[in-house]
Amino acid sequence: MELKRRKVHRYVIFKIDDRREEIVVEKTGAPGESYDDFTASLPADDCRYAVYDLDFVSDDNCRKSKIFFISWSPSDSRIRAKTIYAVSRNQFRHELDGALRDPSNWP
């Protein structure tokens, strides 16, 4: 909610804890951080969930913001991690329903 309403974070990266009991915040990005900062924060060999707040200017020259849910699953990650993240993705997205815009359009 801080990301959506108060613009406190540019992004939030989540991970499943080592005991596989809960999803925890691993890292948050300051409002001034870029997309490159965000992608550099994602591990090359492990899965994560993330929420990214993109600011942009529309075709009619209006400043807008859109929040994206990202399920990060690189090819170098373990099969077990990919499975655990895939199985828990829908439940986690459901938990974020109130924080994100129009979750019915998520892939």
Protein backbone atom coordinates (compact mmCIF):
# COMPACT_ATOMS: atom_id res chain seq x y z
CA MET A 1 0.00 0.00 0.00
CA GLU A 2 2.95 2.34 0.64
CA LEU A 3 4.05 1.76 -2.95
CA LYS A 4 0.61 2.55 -4.38
CA ARG A 5 -0.66 5.40 -2.25
CA ARG A 6 2.31 7.14 -0.74
CA LYS A 7 4.94 6.45 -3.44
CA VAL A 8 7.46 5.49 -0.74
CA HIS A 9 9.03 2.76 -2.90
CA ARG A 10 9.75 2.34 -6.62
CA TYR A 11 9.69 -1.43 -6.23
CA VAL A 12 9.39 -4.22 -3.70
CA ILE A 13 11.08 -7.60 -4.15
CA PHE A 14 9.67 -10.58 -2.27
CA LYS A 15 11.11 -14.01 -1.60
CA ILE A 16 9.90 -17.22 -0.05
CA ASP A 17 11.77 -17.68 3.23
CA ASP A 18 14.26 -20.52 3.61
CA ARG A 19 11.82 -22.65 5.59
CA ARG A 20 9.20 -22.17 2.83
CA GLU A 21 6.66 -20.94 5.36
CA GLU A 22 6.01 -17.38 4.26
CA ILE A 23 6.73 -14.75 1.65
CA VAL A 24 8.86 -11.91 3.00
CA VAL A 25 10.11 -8.58 1.69
CA GLU A 26 13.69 -8.98 0.54
CA LYS A 27 14.36 -5.48 -0.75
CA THR A 28 12.65 -2.17 -1.45
CA GLY A 29 13.76 0.46 -3.91
CA ALA A 30 13.69 4.18 -3.19
CA PRO A 31 11.38 6.34 -5.34
CA GLY A 32 14.35 7.69 -7.31
CA GLU A 33 15.69 4.28 -8.33
CA SER A 34 15.50 3.22 -11.97
CA TYR A 35 14.32 0.09 -13.74
CA ASP A 36 17.99 -0.84 -14.18
CA ASP A 37 18.45 -0.65 -10.39
CA PHE A 38 15.44 -2.92 -10.02
CA THR A 39 16.64 -5.54 -12.51
CA ALA A 40 20.13 -5.50 -10.96
CA SER A 41 18.51 -6.42 -7.63
CA LEU A 42 16.99 -9.62 -9.00
CA PRO A 43 19.12 -12.76 -8.56
CA ALA A 44 20.38 -14.46 -11.72
CA ASP A 45 19.85 -17.95 -10.32
CA ASP A 46 16.82 -17.83 -8.01
CA CYS A 47 13.13 -16.98 -8.23
CA ARG A 48 11.40 -13.93 -6.77
CA TYR A 49 8.14 -12.00 -6.88
CA ALA A 50 8.24 -8.26 -7.37
CA VAL A 51 6.00 -5.23 -7.67
CA TYR A 52 7.25 -2.31 -9.76
CA ASP A 53 5.72 1.18 -9.99
CA LEU A 54 6.29 2.62 -13.46
CA ASP A 55 5.85 6.37 -14.00
CA PHE A 56 5.26 7.48 -17.58
CA VAL A 57 3.74 10.22 -19.72
CA SER A 58 0.70 9.17 -21.76
CA ASP A 59 0.03 10.05 -25.39
CA ASP A 60 -2.14 12.97 -24.23
CA ASN A 61 0.81 14.30 -22.17
CA CYS A 62 -0.52 13.29 -18.74
CA ARG A 63 1.77 11.90 -16.03
CA LYS A 64 0.59 8.44 -15.03
CA SER A 65 1.71 5.51 -12.96
CA LYS A 66 1.10 1.80 -13.38
CA ILE A 67 1.99 -0.94 -10.92
CA PHE A 68 3.16 -4.28 -12.31
CA PHE A 69 3.35 -7.66 -10.62
CA ILE A 70 6.38 -9.66 -11.79
CA SER A 71 7.07 -13.33 -11.24
CA TRP A 72 10.83 -13.73 -11.75
CA SER A 73 11.95 -17.25 -12.66
CA PRO A 74 15.29 -17.25 -14.50
CA SER A 75 16.38 -20.31 -16.46
CA ASP A 76 19.36 -20.86 -14.12
CA SER A 77 17.15 -21.27 -11.04
CA ARG A 78 16.53 -24.69 -9.52
CA ILE A 79 13.52 -26.68 -10.71
CA ARG A 80 12.26 -27.00 -7.13
CA ALA A 81 12.34 -23.22 -6.66
CA LYS A 82 10.50 -22.68 -9.94
CA THR A 83 7.83 -25.15 -8.85
CA ILE A 84 7.37 -23.59 -5.39
CA TYR A 85 7.09 -20.08 -6.82
CA ALA A 86 4.70 -21.20 -9.56
CA VAL A 87 2.42 -22.99 -7.09
CA SER A 88 2.26 -20.07 -4.65
CA ARG A 89 1.99 -17.27 -7.26
CA ASN A 90 -1.81 -17.12 -7.54
CA GLN A 91 -2.34 -17.08 -3.77
CA PHE A 92 0.25 -14.32 -3.35
CA ARG A 93 -1.32 -12.26 -6.14
CA HIS A 94 -4.65 -12.67 -4.40
CA GLU A 95 -3.12 -11.31 -1.18
CA LEU A 96 -1.93 -8.24 -3.09
CA ASP A 97 -5.38 -7.57 -4.58
CA GLY A 98 -5.99 -4.41 -2.59
CA ALA A 99 -2.56 -2.98 -3.27
CA LEU A 100 -2.44 -3.36 -7.03
CA ARG A 101 -4.63 -2.03 -9.78
CA ASP A 102 -6.86 -4.35 -11.78
CA PRO A 103 -5.40 -7.75 -10.87
CA SER A 104 -7.81 -9.41 -13.32
CA ASN A 105 -5.49 -8.30 -16.14
CA TRP A 106 -2.40 -10.01 -14.71
CA PRO A 107 -0.85 -12.72 -16.86
